[in-house]
Amino acid sequence: MGVEGTITLSITIGDRLWGLFALHQECPRVVSPHVRSLCLPFLEYLNAKLAFLEQREIGMRLEKVNKLQAGVREKHGSGASIG
């Protein structure tokens, strides 16, 4: 592949590593602090967006579970204990 230079950017949600961007090039190069700092707003936006999408999916799954439980209670009587 001939990779001589790499920069990796961590994608995190909270304290959990979600993924990585790995950028490669054919010649060695030190990435300046200025260029690295330009990546931060993008990573912050991406991390926030992923956290939002993950929370939304959790909410949708909980709503589905609650509807299923309500259907079971309705079918088997309101006194049925689920859980």
Protein backbone atom coordinates (compact mmCIF):
# COMPACT_ATOMS: atom_id res chain seq x y z
CA MET A 1 0.00 0.00 0.00
CA GLY A 2 2.98 2.32 0.46
CA VAL A 3 1.63 4.23 3.45
CA GLU A 4 4.22 6.46 5.11
CA GLY A 5 1.95 8.86 6.99
CA THR A 6 -1.29 8.39 8.93
CA ILE A 7 -3.55 10.49 11.11
CA THR A 8 -6.39 8.91 13.07
CA LEU A 9 -9.39 10.69 14.51
CA SER A 10 -11.41 9.04 17.28
CA ILE A 11 -15.19 9.03 17.03
CA THR A 12 -16.63 8.76 20.53
CA ILE A 13 -20.00 8.75 22.23
CA GLY A 14 -19.50 9.71 25.85
CA ASP A 15 -16.45 7.77 26.99
CA ARG A 16 -17.03 4.95 24.48
CA LEU A 17 -15.03 4.63 21.26
CA TRP A 18 -17.55 4.32 18.41
CA GLY A 19 -15.13 4.30 15.48
CA LEU A 20 -12.10 5.83 13.80
CA PHE A 21 -11.26 7.87 10.76
CA ALA A 22 -7.87 6.81 9.43
CA LEU A 23 -6.33 9.06 6.79
CA HIS A 24 -3.24 7.80 4.97
CA GLN A 25 -0.74 9.32 2.59
CA GLU A 26 2.23 8.06 0.66
CA CYS A 27 4.90 10.30 2.20
CA PRO A 28 5.74 11.01 5.84
CA ARG A 29 4.40 14.31 7.13
CA VAL A 30 3.85 15.89 10.51
CA VAL A 31 0.34 17.27 10.76
CA SER A 32 0.46 20.74 12.28
CA PRO A 33 -1.48 21.57 15.44
CA HIS A 34 -3.47 24.07 13.35
CA VAL A 35 -4.66 21.36 10.94
CA ARG A 36 -5.50 19.07 13.86
CA SER A 37 -7.49 21.86 15.51
CA LEU A 38 -9.50 22.27 12.29
CA CYS A 39 -10.67 18.65 12.68
CA LEU A 40 -12.10 19.20 16.18
CA PRO A 41 -15.34 21.00 15.25
CA PHE A 42 -16.12 18.28 12.71
CA LEU A 43 -15.49 15.55 15.28
CA GLU A 44 -17.53 17.35 17.94
CA TYR A 45 -20.46 17.68 15.52
CA LEU A 46 -20.19 14.06 14.43
CA ASN A 47 -19.96 12.79 18.03
CA ALA A 48 -23.01 14.85 19.06
CA LYS A 49 -25.02 13.71 16.02
CA LEU A 50 -24.19 10.05 16.63
CA ALA A 51 -25.13 10.36 20.33
CA PHE A 52 -28.45 11.95 19.33
CA LEU A 53 -29.21 9.21 16.80
CA GLU A 54 -28.29 6.50 19.29
CA GLN A 55 -30.56 8.01 21.98
CA ARG A 56 -33.40 8.38 19.47
CA GLU A 57 -33.11 4.73 18.50
CA ILE A 58 -33.12 3.67 22.16
CA GLY A 59 -36.27 5.76 22.68
CA MET A 60 -37.96 4.17 19.68
CA ARG A 61 -37.10 0.68 20.92
CA LEU A 62 -38.44 1.47 24.40
CA GLU A 63 -41.65 2.79 22.87
CA LYS A 64 -42.02 -0.44 20.90
CA VAL A 65 -41.46 -2.54 24.03
CA ASN A 66 -44.04 -0.47 25.95
CA LYS A 67 -46.60 -0.98 23.17
CA LEU A 68 -45.96 -4.73 23.16
CA GLN A 69 -46.33 -4.87 26.94
CA ALA A 70 -49.58 -2.90 26.73
CA GLY A 71 -50.88 -5.35 24.12
CA VAL A 72 -50.01 -8.32 26.34
CA ARG A 73 -51.71 -6.69 29.34
CA GLU A 74 -54.79 -5.96 27.28
CA LYS A 75 -54.94 -9.52 25.98
CA HIS A 76 -54.30 -11.23 29.34
CA GLY A 77 -55.96 -8.80 31.72
CA SER A 78 -54.86 -5.58 33.32
CA GLY A 79 -53.61 -7.35 36.44
CA ALA A 80 -50.95 -9.28 34.56
CA SER A 81 -47.41 -8.60 35.73
CA ILE A 82 -44.85 -8.17 32.99
CA GLY A 83 -41.20 -7.86 33.68
